[in-house]
Amino acid sequence: MAAYVLAIVDVKDPVRYEDYRRLVLPTITAFDGRFVARGGRTEVLEGEWPARRLVIVEFPSVERAKEWWSSPEYAEARAIRQATSDGTLVVIEGV
């Protein structure tokens, strides 16, 4: 069953964050993932939206998404993201 990683990110250092953007795609594709949405324009229809950036990544399963997140391949990119932004990542099963 497909799974989605939702990343809600507030970029603090946009210059260094570009390094993350450059490094992350090969790590996602290595784990059979793909971007569904990547920081595009958002519009609040109800409630409040405090984050500036939303990213959605699809993986074949929750297990594959967790393998990606904890992988050595993603470690360098993850460290850059954590150093240059504040955010929350969650994984959710699809239907």
PDB file of N, CA and C in Angstrom:
ATOM      1  N   MET A   1       0.844  -1.167   0.000  1.00  0.00           N
ATOM      2  CA  MET A   1       0.000   0.000   0.000  1.00  0.00           C
ATOM      3  C   MET A   1       0.896   1.238   0.000  1.00  0.00           C
ATOM      4  N   ALA A   2       0.587   2.191  -0.841  1.00  0.00           N
ATOM      5  CA  ALA A   2       1.379   3.423  -0.916  1.00  0.00           C
ATOM      6  C   ALA A   2       1.372   4.148   0.426  1.00  0.00           C
ATOM      7  N   ALA A   3       2.428   4.900   0.644  1.00  0.00           N
ATOM      8  CA  ALA A   3       2.551   5.720   1.847  1.00  0.00           C
ATOM      9  C   ALA A   3       3.100   7.072   1.432  1.00  0.00           C
ATOM     10  N   TYR A   4       2.819   8.068   2.252  1.00  0.00           N
ATOM     11  CA  TYR A   4       3.217   9.436   1.936  1.00  0.00           C
ATOM     12  C   TYR A   4       3.968  10.035   3.105  1.00  0.00           C
ATOM     13  N   VAL A   5       5.101  10.650   2.793  1.00  0.00           N
ATOM     14  CA  VAL A   5       5.824  11.432   3.783  1.00  0.00           C
ATOM     15  C   VAL A   5       5.416  12.882   3.562  1.00  0.00           C
ATOM     16  N   LEU A   6       4.871  13.493   4.606  1.00  0.00           N
ATOM     17  CA  LEU A   6       4.508  14.904   4.564  1.00  0.00           C
ATOM     18  C   LEU A   6       5.540  15.665   5.366  1.00  0.00           C
ATOM     19  N   ALA A   7       6.132  16.647   4.747  1.00  0.00           N
ATOM     20  CA  ALA A   7       7.127  17.484   5.412  1.00  0.00           C
ATOM     21  C   ALA A   7       6.596  18.904   5.463  1.00  0.00           C
ATOM     22  N   ILE A   8       6.490  19.419   6.655  1.00  0.00           N
ATOM     23  CA  ILE A   8       6.071  20.798   6.874  1.00  0.00           C
ATOM     24  C   ILE A   8       7.313  21.536   7.338  1.00  0.00           C
ATOM     25  N   VAL A   9       7.797  22.457   6.511  1.00  0.00           N
ATOM     26  CA  VAL A   9       9.131  23.009   6.702  1.00  0.00           C
ATOM     27  C   VAL A   9       9.108  24.535   6.692  1.00  0.00           C
ATOM     28  N   ASP A  10       9.852  25.117   7.618  1.00  0.00           N
ATOM     29  CA  ASP A  10      10.096  26.551   7.647  1.00  0.00           C
ATOM     30  C   ASP A  10      11.598  26.733   7.428  1.00  0.00           C
ATOM     31  N   VAL A  11      11.981  27.142   6.247  1.00  0.00           N
ATOM     32  CA  VAL A  11      13.394  27.267   5.886  1.00  0.00           C
ATOM     33  C   VAL A  11      13.981  28.493   6.572  1.00  0.00           C
ATOM     34  N   LYS A  12      15.075  28.279   7.299  1.00  0.00           N
ATOM     35  CA  LYS A  12      15.757  29.362   8.025  1.00  0.00           C
ATOM     36  C   LYS A  12      16.979  29.882   7.271  1.00  0.00           C
ATOM     37  N   ASP A  13      17.604  29.036   6.471  1.00  0.00           N
ATOM     38  CA  ASP A  13      18.801  29.398   5.716  1.00  0.00           C
ATOM     39  C   ASP A  13      18.616  28.946   4.271  1.00  0.00           C
ATOM     40  N   PRO A  14      17.960  29.779   3.444  1.00  0.00           N
ATOM     41  CA  PRO A  14      17.639  29.358   2.082  1.00  0.00           C
ATOM     42  C   PRO A  14      18.861  29.068   1.208  1.00  0.00           C
ATOM     43  N   VAL A  15      19.966  29.704   1.479  1.00  0.00           N
ATOM     44  CA  VAL A  15      21.165  29.465   0.671  1.00  0.00           C
ATOM     45  C   VAL A  15      21.664  28.039   0.893  1.00  0.00           C
ATOM     46  N   ARG A  16      21.854  27.657   2.154  1.00  0.00           N
ATOM     47  CA  ARG A  16      22.314  26.291   2.456  1.00  0.00           C
ATOM     48  C   ARG A  16      21.232  25.246   2.188  1.00  0.00           C
ATOM     49  N   TYR A  17      19.980  25.629   2.295  1.00  0.00           N
ATOM     50  CA  TYR A  17      18.886  24.690   2.031  1.00  0.00           C
ATOM     51  C   TYR A  17      18.924  24.206   0.583  1.00  0.00           C
ATOM     52  N   GLU A  18      19.477  25.013  -0.314  1.00  0.00           N
ATOM     53  CA  GLU A  18      19.618  24.587  -1.706  1.00  0.00           C
ATOM     54  C   GLU A  18      20.490  23.344  -1.813  1.00  0.00           C
ATOM     55  N   ASP A  19      21.464  23.194  -0.914  1.00  0.00           N
ATOM     56  CA  ASP A  19      22.270  21.969  -0.896  1.00  0.00           C
ATOM     57  C   ASP A  19      21.380  20.760  -0.610  1.00  0.00           C
ATOM     58  N   TYR A  20      20.444  20.919   0.313  1.00  0.00           N
ATOM     59  CA  TYR A  20      19.502  19.841   0.618  1.00  0.00           C
ATOM     60  C   TYR A  20      18.677  19.500  -0.618  1.00  0.00           C
ATOM     61  N   ARG A  21      18.146  20.513  -1.259  1.00  0.00           N
ATOM     62  CA  ARG A  21      17.315  20.278  -2.447  1.00  0.00           C
ATOM     63  C   ARG A  21      18.095  19.522  -3.525  1.00  0.00           C
ATOM     64  N   ARG A  22      19.361  19.835  -3.654  1.00  0.00           N
ATOM     65  CA  ARG A  22      20.205  19.189  -4.658  1.00  0.00           C
ATOM     66  C   ARG A  22      20.470  17.724  -4.303  1.00  0.00           C
ATOM     67  N   LEU A  23      20.644  17.440  -3.024  1.00  0.00           N
ATOM     68  CA  LEU A  23      21.006  16.093  -2.591  1.00  0.00           C
ATOM     69  C   LEU A  23      19.829  15.132  -2.419  1.00  0.00           C
ATOM     70  N   VAL A  24      18.645  15.640  -2.139  1.00  0.00           N
ATOM     71  CA  VAL A  24      17.560  14.770  -1.687  1.00  0.00           C
ATOM     72  C   VAL A  24      16.945  13.907  -2.791  1.00  0.00           C
ATOM     73  N   LEU A  25      16.800  14.410  -3.994  1.00  0.00           N
ATOM     74  CA  LEU A  25      16.093  13.648  -5.034  1.00  0.00           C
ATOM     75  C   LEU A  25      16.712  12.269  -5.293  1.00  0.00           C
ATOM     76  N   PRO A  26      18.029  12.153  -5.472  1.00  0.00           N
ATOM     77  CA  PRO A  26      18.578  10.808  -5.697  1.00  0.00           C
ATOM     78  C   PRO A  26      18.311   9.842  -4.542  1.00  0.00           C
ATOM     79  N   THR A  27      18.218  10.348  -3.323  1.00  0.00           N
ATOM     80  CA  THR A  27      17.950   9.458  -2.197  1.00  0.00           C
ATOM     81  C   THR A  27      16.504   8.973  -2.233  1.00  0.00           C
ATOM     82  N   ILE A  28      15.608   9.828  -2.638  1.00  0.00           N
ATOM     83  CA  ILE A  28      14.190   9.444  -2.724  1.00  0.00           C
ATOM     84  C   ILE A  28      13.989   8.410  -3.823  1.00  0.00           C
ATOM     85  N   THR A  29      14.548   8.657  -4.998  1.00  0.00           N
ATOM     86  CA  THR A  29      14.365   7.711  -6.103  1.00  0.00           C
ATOM     87  C   THR A  29      15.038   6.373  -5.807  1.00  0.00           C
ATOM     88  N   ALA A  30      16.127   6.373  -5.052  1.00  0.00           N
ATOM     89  CA  ALA A  30      16.790   5.124  -4.683  1.00  0.00           C
ATOM     90  C   ALA A  30      15.898   4.224  -3.839  1.00  0.00           C
ATOM     91  N   PHE A  31      14.904   4.807  -3.185  1.00  0.00           N
ATOM     92  CA  PHE A  31      13.969   4.046  -2.353  1.00  0.00           C
ATOM     93  C   PHE A  31      12.578   3.995  -2.981  1.00  0.00           C
ATOM     94  N   ASP A  32      12.549   4.137  -4.303  1.00  0.00           N
ATOM     95  CA  ASP A  32      11.311   4.000  -5.087  1.00  0.00           C
ATOM     96  C   ASP A  32      10.282   5.075  -4.769  1.00  0.00           C
ATOM     97  N   GLY A  33      10.751   6.245  -4.325  1.00  0.00           N
ATOM     98  CA  GLY A  33       9.846   7.337  -3.996  1.00  0.00           C
ATOM     99  C   GLY A  33       9.776   8.355  -5.124  1.00  0.00           C
ATOM    100  N   ARG A  34       8.789   9.234  -5.004  1.00  0.00           N
ATOM    101  CA  ARG A  34       8.640  10.321  -5.972  1.00  0.00           C
ATOM    102  C   ARG A  34       7.963  11.500  -5.295  1.00  0.00           C
ATOM    103  N   PHE A  35       8.341  12.696  -5.728  1.00  0.00           N
ATOM    104  CA  PHE A  35       7.681  13.889  -5.217  1.00  0.00           C
ATOM    105  C   PHE A  35       6.277  13.983  -5.796  1.00  0.00           C
ATOM    106  N   VAL A  36       5.314  14.276  -4.933  1.00  0.00           N
ATOM    107  CA  VAL A  36       3.948  14.557  -5.355  1.00  0.00           C
ATOM    108  C   VAL A  36       3.738  16.070  -5.343  1.00  0.00           C
ATOM    109  N   ALA A  37       4.257  16.725  -4.319  1.00  0.00           N
ATOM    110  CA  ALA A  37       4.232  18.187  -4.200  1.00  0.00           C
ATOM    111  C   ALA A  37       5.535  18.600  -3.542  1.00  0.00           C
ATOM    112  N   ARG A  38       6.083  19.718  -4.026  1.00  0.00           N
ATOM    113  CA  ARG A  38       7.389  20.125  -3.495  1.00  0.00           C
ATOM    114  C   ARG A  38       7.450  21.644  -3.367  1.00  0.00           C
ATOM    115  N   GLY A  39       6.838  22.146  -2.307  1.00  0.00           N
ATOM    116  CA  GLY A  39       6.964  23.567  -2.010  1.00  0.00           C
ATOM    117  C   GLY A  39       6.239  24.498  -2.961  1.00  0.00           C
ATOM    118  N   GLY A  40       5.237  23.997  -3.642  1.00  0.00           N
ATOM    119  CA  GLY A  40       4.474  24.843  -4.553  1.00  0.00           C
ATOM    120  C   GLY A  40       3.580  25.820  -3.809  1.00  0.00           C
ATOM    121  N   ARG A  41       2.866  26.618  -4.575  1.00  0.00           N
ATOM    122  CA  ARG A  41       1.949  27.605  -4.002  1.00  0.00           C
ATOM    123  C   ARG A  41       0.870  26.893  -3.203  1.00  0.00           C
ATOM    124  N   THR A  42       0.587  27.383  -2.016  1.00  0.00           N
ATOM    125  CA  THR A  42      -0.477  26.835  -1.183  1.00  0.00           C
ATOM    126  C   THR A  42      -1.498  27.925  -0.897  1.00  0.00           C
ATOM    127  N   GLU A  43      -2.713  27.502  -0.694  1.00  0.00           N
ATOM    128  CA  GLU A  43      -3.798  28.421  -0.364  1.00  0.00           C
ATOM    129  C   GLU A  43      -4.635  27.794   0.741  1.00  0.00           C
ATOM    130  N   VAL A  44      -4.821  28.513   1.816  1.00  0.00           N
ATOM    131  CA  VAL A  44      -5.592  28.011   2.953  1.00  0.00           C
ATOM    132  C   VAL A  44      -7.076  28.127   2.621  1.00  0.00           C
ATOM    133  N   LEU A  45      -7.776  27.014   2.706  1.00  0.00           N
ATOM    134  CA  LEU A  45      -9.224  27.006   2.476  1.00  0.00           C
ATOM    135  C   LEU A  45      -9.994  27.047   3.786  1.00  0.00           C
ATOM    136  N   GLU A  46      -9.429  26.474   4.843  1.00  0.00           N
ATOM    137  CA  GLU A  46     -10.029  26.521   6.177  1.00  0.00           C
ATOM    138  C   GLU A  46      -8.917  26.514   7.208  1.00  0.00           C
ATOM    139  N   GLY A  47      -9.152  27.136   8.330  1.00  0.00           N
ATOM    140  CA  GLY A  47      -8.194  27.107   9.429  1.00  0.00           C
ATOM    141  C   GLY A  47      -6.968  27.963   9.165  1.00  0.00           C
ATOM    142  N   GLU A  48      -5.885  27.597   9.840  1.00  0.00           N
ATOM    143  CA  GLU A  48      -4.635  28.350   9.723  1.00  0.00           C
ATOM    144  C   GLU A  48      -3.543  27.438   9.199  1.00  0.00           C
ATOM    145  N   TRP A  49      -2.607  28.014   8.475  1.00  0.00           N
ATOM    146  CA  TRP A  49      -1.470  27.262   7.958  1.00  0.00           C
ATOM    147  C   TRP A  49      -0.204  28.016   8.323  1.00  0.00           C
ATOM    148  N   PRO A  50       0.493  27.576   9.373  1.00  0.00           N
ATOM    149  CA  PRO A  50       1.653  28.335   9.838  1.00  0.00           C
ATOM    150  C   PRO A  50       2.923  28.100   9.027  1.00  0.00           C
ATOM    151  N   ALA A  51       2.996  27.003   8.297  1.00  0.00           N
ATOM    152  CA  ALA A  51       4.231  26.657   7.599  1.00  0.00           C
ATOM    153  C   ALA A  51       4.337  27.381   6.262  1.00  0.00           C
ATOM    154  N   ARG A  52       5.561  27.584   5.848  1.00  0.00           N
ATOM    155  CA  ARG A  52       5.800  28.216   4.561  1.00  0.00           C
ATOM    156  C   ARG A  52       5.960  27.207   3.445  1.00  0.00           C
ATOM    157  N   ARG A  53       6.320  25.994   3.761  1.00  0.00           N
ATOM    158  CA  ARG A  53       6.646  25.009   2.730  1.00  0.00           C
ATOM    159  C   ARG A  53       6.042  23.653   3.092  1.00  0.00           C
ATOM    160  N   LEU A  54       5.404  23.031   2.122  1.00  0.00           N
ATOM    161  CA  LEU A  54       4.846  21.692   2.286  1.00  0.00           C
ATOM    162  C   LEU A  54       5.393  20.814   1.172  1.00  0.00           C
ATOM    163  N   VAL A  55       5.870  19.634   1.549  1.00  0.00           N
ATOM    164  CA  VAL A  55       6.381  18.668   0.587  1.00  0.00           C
ATOM    165  C   VAL A  55       5.668  17.348   0.844  1.00  0.00           C
ATOM    166  N   ILE A  56       5.257  16.685  -0.232  1.00  0.00           N
ATOM    167  CA  ILE A  56       4.641  15.365  -0.133  1.00  0.00           C
ATOM    168  C   ILE A  56       5.428  14.418  -1.035  1.00  0.00           C
ATOM    169  N   VAL A  57       5.887  13.311  -0.445  1.00  0.00           N
ATOM    170  CA  VAL A  57       6.650  12.305  -1.173  1.00  0.00           C
ATOM    171  C   VAL A  57       5.904  10.988  -1.067  1.00  0.00           C
ATOM    172  N   GLU A  58       5.716  10.323  -2.188  1.00  0.00           N
ATOM    173  CA  GLU A  58       5.052   9.026  -2.205  1.00  0.00           C
ATOM    174  C   GLU A  58       6.086   7.910  -2.266  1.00  0.00           C
ATOM    175  N   PHE A  59       5.880   6.889  -1.439  1.00  0.00           N
ATOM    176  CA  PHE A  59       6.694   5.675  -1.439  1.00  0.00           C
ATOM    177  C   PHE A  59       5.765   4.481  -1.607  1.00  0.00           C
ATOM    178  N   PRO A  60       6.294   3.328  -1.999  1.00  0.00           N
ATOM    179  CA  PRO A  60       5.437   2.151  -2.170  1.00  0.00           C
ATOM    180  C   PRO A  60       4.811   1.636  -0.874  1.00  0.00           C
ATOM    181  N   SER A  61       5.445   1.951   0.269  1.00  0.00           N
ATOM    182  CA  SER A  61       4.937   1.456   1.551  1.00  0.00           C
ATOM    183  C   SER A  61       5.507   2.304   2.682  1.00  0.00           C
ATOM    184  N   VAL A  62       4.892   2.185   3.857  1.00  0.00           N
ATOM    185  CA  VAL A  62       5.419   2.853   5.053  1.00  0.00           C
ATOM    186  C   VAL A  62       6.825   2.338   5.343  1.00  0.00           C
ATOM    187  N   GLU A  63       7.015   1.044   5.195  1.00  0.00           N
ATOM    188  CA  GLU A  63       8.322   0.465   5.477  1.00  0.00           C
ATOM    189  C   GLU A  63       9.401   1.069   4.579  1.00  0.00           C
ATOM    190  N   ARG A  64       9.086   1.232   3.289  1.00  0.00           N
ATOM    191  CA  ARG A  64      10.059   1.798   2.350  1.00  0.00           C
ATOM    192  C   ARG A  64      10.341   3.256   2.691  1.00  0.00           C
ATOM    193  N   ALA A  65       9.331   4.007   3.092  1.00  0.00           N
ATOM    194  CA  ALA A  65       9.525   5.408   3.493  1.00  0.00           C
ATOM    195  C   ALA A  65      10.436   5.494   4.718  1.00  0.00           C
ATOM    196  N   LYS A  66      10.228   4.614   5.679  1.00  0.00           N
ATOM    197  CA  LYS A  66      11.056   4.613   6.890  1.00  0.00           C
ATOM    198  C   LYS A  66      12.482   4.165   6.586  1.00  0.00           C
ATOM    199  N   GLU A  67      12.626   3.230   5.659  1.00  0.00           N
ATOM    200  CA  GLU A  67      13.972   2.829   5.228  1.00  0.00           C
ATOM    201  C   GLU A  67      14.712   4.019   4.630  1.00  0.00           C
ATOM    202  N   TRP A  68      14.017   4.789   3.781  1.00  0.00           N
ATOM    203  CA  TRP A  68      14.617   5.995   3.182  1.00  0.00           C
ATOM    204  C   TRP A  68      15.044   6.970   4.273  1.00  0.00           C
ATOM    205  N   TRP A  69      14.128   7.290   5.194  1.00  0.00           N
ATOM    206  CA  TRP A  69      14.406   8.304   6.215  1.00  0.00           C
ATOM    207  C   TRP A  69      15.609   7.936   7.076  1.00  0.00           C
ATOM    208  N   SER A  70      15.765   6.650   7.374  1.00  0.00           N
ATOM    209  CA  SER A  70      16.853   6.234   8.263  1.00  0.00           C
ATOM    210  C   SER A  70      18.090   5.749   7.509  1.00  0.00           C
ATOM    211  N   SER A  71      18.116   5.886   6.209  1.00  0.00           N
ATOM    212  CA  SER A  71      19.201   5.334   5.397  1.00  0.00           C
ATOM    213  C   SER A  71      20.473   6.170   5.436  1.00  0.00           C
ATOM    214  N   PRO A  72      21.603   5.516   5.220  1.00  0.00           N
ATOM    215  CA  PRO A  72      22.863   6.250   5.062  1.00  0.00           C
ATOM    216  C   PRO A  72      22.828   7.174   3.836  1.00  0.00           C
ATOM    217  N   GLU A  73      22.085   6.777   2.812  1.00  0.00           N
ATOM    218  CA  GLU A  73      21.978   7.603   1.603  1.00  0.00           C
ATOM    219  C   GLU A  73      21.346   8.959   1.896  1.00  0.00           C
ATOM    220  N   TYR A  74      20.389   8.999   2.812  1.00  0.00           N
ATOM    221  CA  TYR A  74      19.690  10.245   3.137  1.00  0.00           C
ATOM    222  C   TYR A  74      20.357  11.011   4.280  1.00  0.00           C
ATOM    223  N   ALA A  75      21.283  10.416   4.987  1.00  0.00           N
ATOM    224  CA  ALA A  75      21.841  11.010   6.207  1.00  0.00           C
ATOM    225  C   ALA A  75      22.429  12.406   5.986  1.00  0.00           C
ATOM    226  N   GLU A  76      23.223  12.591   4.943  1.00  0.00           N
ATOM    227  CA  GLU A  76      23.831  13.906   4.708  1.00  0.00           C
ATOM    228  C   GLU A  76      22.765  14.953   4.400  1.00  0.00           C
ATOM    229  N   ALA A  77      21.835  14.614   3.524  1.00  0.00           N
ATOM    230  CA  ALA A  77      20.766  15.554   3.184  1.00  0.00           C
ATOM    231  C   ALA A  77      19.920  15.881   4.412  1.00  0.00           C
ATOM    232  N   ARG A  78      19.577  14.866   5.200  1.00  0.00           N
ATOM    233  CA  ARG A  78      18.767  15.081   6.407  1.00  0.00           C
ATOM    234  C   ARG A  78      19.472  16.025   7.377  1.00  0.00           C
ATOM    235  N   ALA A  79      20.775  15.859   7.559  1.00  0.00           N
ATOM    236  CA  ALA A  79      21.532  16.739   8.454  1.00  0.00           C
ATOM    237  C   ALA A  79      21.494  18.183   7.963  1.00  0.00           C
ATOM    238  N   ILE A  80      21.599  18.388   6.675  1.00  0.00           N
ATOM    239  CA  ILE A  80      21.518  19.749   6.116  1.00  0.00           C
ATOM    240  C   ILE A  80      20.129  20.322   6.331  1.00  0.00           C
ATOM    241  N   ARG A  81      19.081  19.517   6.057  1.00  0.00           N
ATOM    242  CA  ARG A  81      17.709  19.995   6.272  1.00  0.00           C
ATOM    243  C   ARG A  81      17.485  20.383   7.723  1.00  0.00           C
ATOM    244  N   GLN A  82      17.950  19.560   8.628  1.00  0.00           N
ATOM    245  CA  GLN A  82      17.747  19.839  10.043  1.00  0.00           C
ATOM    246  C   GLN A  82      18.532  21.071  10.501  1.00  0.00           C
ATOM    247  N   ALA A  83      19.667  21.338   9.873  1.00  0.00           N
ATOM    248  CA  ALA A  83      20.482  22.498  10.238  1.00  0.00           C
ATOM    249  C   ALA A  83      19.970  23.793   9.629  1.00  0.00           C
ATOM    250  N   THR A  84      19.223  23.706   8.533  1.00  0.00           N
ATOM    251  CA  THR A  84      18.822  24.916   7.803  1.00  0.00           C
ATOM    252  C   THR A  84      17.337  25.218   7.869  1.00  0.00           C
ATOM    253  N   SER A  85      16.584  24.370   8.582  1.00  0.00           N
ATOM    254  CA  SER A  85      15.141  24.581   8.647  1.00  0.00           C
ATOM    255  C   SER A  85      14.573  23.988   9.925  1.00  0.00           C
ATOM    256  N   ASP A  86      13.365  24.405  10.253  1.00  0.00           N
ATOM    257  CA  ASP A  86      12.585  23.789  11.311  1.00  0.00           C
ATOM    258  C   ASP A  86      11.443  23.069  10.624  1.00  0.00           C
ATOM    259  N   GLY A  87      11.111  21.899  11.093  1.00  0.00           N
ATOM    260  CA  GLY A  87      10.029  21.209  10.419  1.00  0.00           C
ATOM    261  C   GLY A  87       9.585  19.956  11.122  1.00  0.00           C
ATOM    262  N   THR A  88       8.566  19.364  10.538  1.00  0.00           N
ATOM    263  CA  THR A  88       7.980  18.122  11.010  1.00  0.00           C
ATOM    264  C   THR A  88       7.809  17.208   9.810  1.00  0.00           C
ATOM    265  N   LEU A  89       8.190  15.957   9.957  1.00  0.00           N
ATOM    266  CA  LEU A  89       7.964  14.951   8.930  1.00  0.00           C
ATOM    267  C   LEU A  89       7.085  13.865   9.531  1.00  0.00           C
ATOM    268  N   VAL A  90       6.069  13.472   8.800  1.00  0.00           N
ATOM    269  CA  VAL A  90       5.217  12.359   9.219  1.00  0.00           C
ATOM    270  C   VAL A  90       5.043  11.429   8.025  1.00  0.00           C
ATOM    271  N   VAL A  91       4.770  10.164   8.314  1.00  0.00           N
ATOM    272  CA  VAL A  91       4.448   9.218   7.266  1.00  0.00           C
ATOM    273  C   VAL A  91       3.022   8.751   7.505  1.00  0.00           C
ATOM    274  N   ILE A  92       2.274   8.629   6.426  1.00  0.00           N
ATOM    275  CA  ILE A  92       0.875   8.224   6.507  1.00  0.00           C
ATOM    276  C   ILE A  92       0.590   7.194   5.426  1.00  0.00           C
ATOM    277  N   GLU A  93      -0.152   6.135   5.800  1.00  0.00           N
ATOM    278  CA  GLU A  93      -0.547   5.138   4.827  1.00  0.00           C
ATOM    279  C   GLU A  93      -1.576   5.710   3.880  1.00  0.00           C
ATOM    280  N   GLY A  94      -1.462   5.343   2.619  1.00  0.00           N
ATOM    281  CA  GLY A  94      -2.482   5.712   1.650  1.00  0.00           C
ATOM    282  C   GLY A  94      -3.678   4.779   1.737  1.00  0.00           C
ATOM    283  N   VAL A  95      -4.637   4.986   0.872  1.00  0.00           N
ATOM    284  CA  VAL A  95      -5.814   4.125   0.867  1.00  0.00           C
ATOM    285  C   VAL A  95      -5.873   3.335  -0.427  1.00  0.00           C
TER     286      VAL A  95
END
